Amino acid sequence: MLTEFDQNTIANMTAALDYVCKKIPADKDSTELRKRIADELIQCARSGKRTVIDLQNAGLKF
């Protein structure tokens, strides 16, 4: 659950998700892919990597 993260981390996660989703090619975009990216961002933040750059890099692994 996102309540485990502080406001700054949530803001970074939101910015990273927006950034990564803009990079998804139209033919590959799907709700499932966006969920996988969001899950990856959550795992990254849980591991202690909470900067926007760390989160963007984690999300770009799609």
N, C-alpha and C. Protein backbone atom coordinates (compact mmCIF):
# COMPACT_ATOMS: atom_id res chain seq x y z
N MET A 1 0.84 -1.18 0.00
CA MET A 1 0.00 0.00 0.00
C MET A 1 0.89 1.24 0.00
N LEU A 2 0.42 2.28 -0.65
CA LEU A 2 1.22 3.50 -0.79
C LEU A 2 1.36 4.29 0.50
N THR A 3 0.58 3.97 1.54
CA THR A 3 0.70 4.71 2.79
C THR A 3 2.03 4.46 3.48
N GLU A 4 2.78 3.48 3.00
CA GLU A 4 4.10 3.22 3.58
C GLU A 4 5.15 4.21 3.09
N PHE A 5 4.81 5.05 2.13
CA PHE A 5 5.76 6.01 1.56
C PHE A 5 5.41 7.43 1.97
N ASP A 6 6.45 8.26 2.11
CA ASP A 6 6.22 9.66 2.44
C ASP A 6 5.79 10.43 1.19
N GLN A 7 5.36 11.66 1.41
CA GLN A 7 4.83 12.49 0.30
C GLN A 7 5.86 12.70 -0.80
N ASN A 8 7.11 12.90 -0.44
CA ASN A 8 8.16 13.12 -1.44
C ASN A 8 8.34 11.88 -2.32
N THR A 9 8.35 10.72 -1.69
CA THR A 9 8.50 9.48 -2.46
C THR A 9 7.31 9.27 -3.39
N ILE A 10 6.11 9.53 -2.91
CA ILE A 10 4.92 9.39 -3.76
C ILE A 10 4.98 10.35 -4.94
N ALA A 11 5.44 11.57 -4.68
CA ALA A 11 5.59 12.54 -5.77
C ALA A 11 6.62 12.05 -6.79
N ASN A 12 7.73 11.50 -6.31
CA ASN A 12 8.76 10.97 -7.22
C ASN A 12 8.23 9.78 -8.01
N MET A 13 7.46 8.92 -7.36
CA MET A 13 6.89 7.77 -8.04
C MET A 13 5.90 8.21 -9.12
N THR A 14 5.10 9.21 -8.80
CA THR A 14 4.13 9.72 -9.77
C THR A 14 4.83 10.32 -10.98
N ALA A 15 5.87 11.13 -10.71
CA ALA A 15 6.63 11.75 -11.81
C ALA A 15 7.30 10.68 -12.66
N ALA A 16 7.88 9.67 -12.02
CA ALA A 16 8.55 8.60 -12.75
C ALA A 16 7.55 7.81 -13.59
N LEU A 17 6.38 7.51 -13.03
CA LEU A 17 5.36 6.78 -13.79
C LEU A 17 4.91 7.58 -15.01
N ASP A 18 4.69 8.86 -14.83
CA ASP A 18 4.30 9.72 -15.97
C ASP A 18 5.39 9.71 -17.04
N TYR A 19 6.63 9.84 -16.62
CA TYR A 19 7.77 9.87 -17.55
C TYR A 19 7.85 8.56 -18.34
N VAL A 20 7.81 7.44 -17.62
CA VAL A 20 7.95 6.14 -18.27
C VAL A 20 6.77 5.86 -19.20
N CYS A 21 5.57 6.18 -18.77
CA CYS A 21 4.39 5.91 -19.61
C CYS A 21 4.43 6.70 -20.91
N LYS A 22 5.04 7.87 -20.89
CA LYS A 22 5.17 8.65 -22.12
C LYS A 22 6.15 8.00 -23.10
N LYS A 23 7.00 7.12 -22.60
CA LYS A 23 7.99 6.44 -23.44
C LYS A 23 7.45 5.14 -24.06
N ILE A 24 6.28 4.71 -23.64
CA ILE A 24 5.73 3.45 -24.14
C ILE A 24 5.26 3.65 -25.58
N PRO A 25 5.75 2.82 -26.50
CA PRO A 25 5.25 2.90 -27.88
C PRO A 25 3.75 2.61 -27.91
N ALA A 26 3.03 3.31 -28.76
CA ALA A 26 1.57 3.18 -28.82
C ALA A 26 1.12 1.74 -29.04
N ASP A 27 1.86 0.99 -29.83
CA ASP A 27 1.45 -0.38 -30.13
C ASP A 27 1.71 -1.34 -28.97
N LYS A 28 2.44 -0.90 -27.94
CA LYS A 28 2.72 -1.76 -26.78
C LYS A 28 2.00 -1.29 -25.53
N ASP A 29 1.35 -0.15 -25.59
CA ASP A 29 0.69 0.42 -24.42
C ASP A 29 -0.53 -0.42 -24.03
N SER A 30 -0.62 -0.73 -22.75
CA SER A 30 -1.77 -1.47 -22.23
C SER A 30 -1.89 -1.22 -20.73
N THR A 31 -3.05 -1.48 -20.21
CA THR A 31 -3.26 -1.36 -18.77
C THR A 31 -2.35 -2.31 -18.02
N GLU A 32 -2.18 -3.51 -18.55
CA GLU A 32 -1.33 -4.50 -17.90
C GLU A 32 0.12 -4.03 -17.82
N LEU A 33 0.62 -3.44 -18.91
CA LEU A 33 1.99 -2.94 -18.92
C LEU A 33 2.15 -1.81 -17.91
N ARG A 34 1.21 -0.90 -17.88
CA ARG A 34 1.27 0.21 -16.92
C ARG A 34 1.24 -0.30 -15.48
N LYS A 35 0.47 -1.35 -15.23
CA LYS A 35 0.44 -1.94 -13.89
C LYS A 35 1.78 -2.57 -13.55
N ARG A 36 2.38 -3.26 -14.50
CA ARG A 36 3.70 -3.86 -14.25
C ARG A 36 4.74 -2.78 -13.96
N ILE A 37 4.67 -1.67 -14.68
CA ILE A 37 5.59 -0.56 -14.44
C ILE A 37 5.37 0.00 -13.04
N ALA A 38 4.12 0.22 -12.67
CA ALA A 38 3.80 0.74 -11.33
C ALA A 38 4.29 -0.22 -10.25
N ASP A 39 4.10 -1.52 -10.45
CA ASP A 39 4.59 -2.51 -9.49
C ASP A 39 6.11 -2.45 -9.36
N GLU A 40 6.79 -2.25 -10.47
CA GLU A 40 8.25 -2.14 -10.46
C GLU A 40 8.68 -0.90 -9.67
N LEU A 41 7.96 0.20 -9.84
CA LEU A 41 8.28 1.41 -9.09
C LEU A 41 8.08 1.20 -7.60
N ILE A 42 7.03 0.51 -7.23
CA ILE A 42 6.78 0.23 -5.81
C ILE A 42 7.91 -0.62 -5.24
N GLN A 43 8.32 -1.65 -5.95
CA GLN A 43 9.41 -2.50 -5.49
C GLN A 43 10.71 -1.71 -5.35
N CYS A 44 10.96 -0.84 -6.30
CA CYS A 44 12.16 0.00 -6.26
C CYS A 44 12.14 0.88 -5.01
N ALA A 45 11.02 1.52 -4.76
CA ALA A 45 10.90 2.39 -3.59
C ALA A 45 11.03 1.59 -2.30
N ARG A 46 10.46 0.41 -2.26
CA ARG A 46 10.57 -0.44 -1.07
C ARG A 46 12.01 -0.85 -0.81
N SER A 47 12.81 -0.95 -1.86
CA SER A 47 14.21 -1.34 -1.69
C SER A 47 15.08 -0.18 -1.22
N GLY A 48 14.48 1.01 -1.13
CA GLY A 48 15.21 2.18 -0.64
C GLY A 48 15.66 3.13 -1.73
N LYS A 49 15.47 2.75 -2.97
CA LYS A 49 15.84 3.62 -4.09
C LYS A 49 14.64 4.49 -4.42
N ARG A 50 14.69 5.74 -3.99
CA ARG A 50 13.49 6.58 -4.06
C ARG A 50 13.69 7.89 -4.82
N THR A 51 14.83 8.07 -5.47
CA THR A 51 15.00 9.28 -6.26
C THR A 51 14.23 9.13 -7.57
N VAL A 52 13.92 10.25 -8.18
CA VAL A 52 13.20 10.20 -9.46
C VAL A 52 14.00 9.39 -10.48
N ILE A 53 15.30 9.60 -10.52
CA ILE A 53 16.16 8.89 -11.49
C ILE A 53 16.12 7.38 -11.24
N ASP A 54 16.27 6.97 -9.97
CA ASP A 54 16.21 5.54 -9.65
C ASP A 54 14.87 4.94 -10.08
N LEU A 55 13.80 5.66 -9.80
CA LEU A 55 12.47 5.17 -10.13
C LEU A 55 12.24 5.13 -11.64
N GLN A 56 12.71 6.15 -12.34
CA GLN A 56 12.59 6.15 -13.80
C GLN A 56 13.34 4.96 -14.39
N ASN A 57 14.56 4.74 -13.92
CA ASN A 57 15.35 3.62 -14.44
C ASN A 57 14.66 2.29 -14.18
N ALA A 58 14.07 2.14 -13.00
CA ALA A 58 13.34 0.91 -12.69
C ALA A 58 12.15 0.74 -13.62
N GLY A 59 11.44 1.81 -13.87
CA GLY A 59 10.26 1.75 -14.73
C GLY A 59 10.58 1.51 -16.18
N LEU A 60 11.75 1.91 -16.61
CA LEU A 60 12.13 1.75 -18.02
C LEU A 60 12.54 0.33 -18.37
N LYS A 61 12.50 -0.58 -17.42
CA LYS A 61 12.87 -1.97 -17.68
C LYS A 61 11.84 -2.74 -18.49
N PHE A 62 10.72 -2.08 -18.82
CA PHE A 62 9.68 -2.77 -19.59
C PHE A 62 10.24 -3.10 -20.93
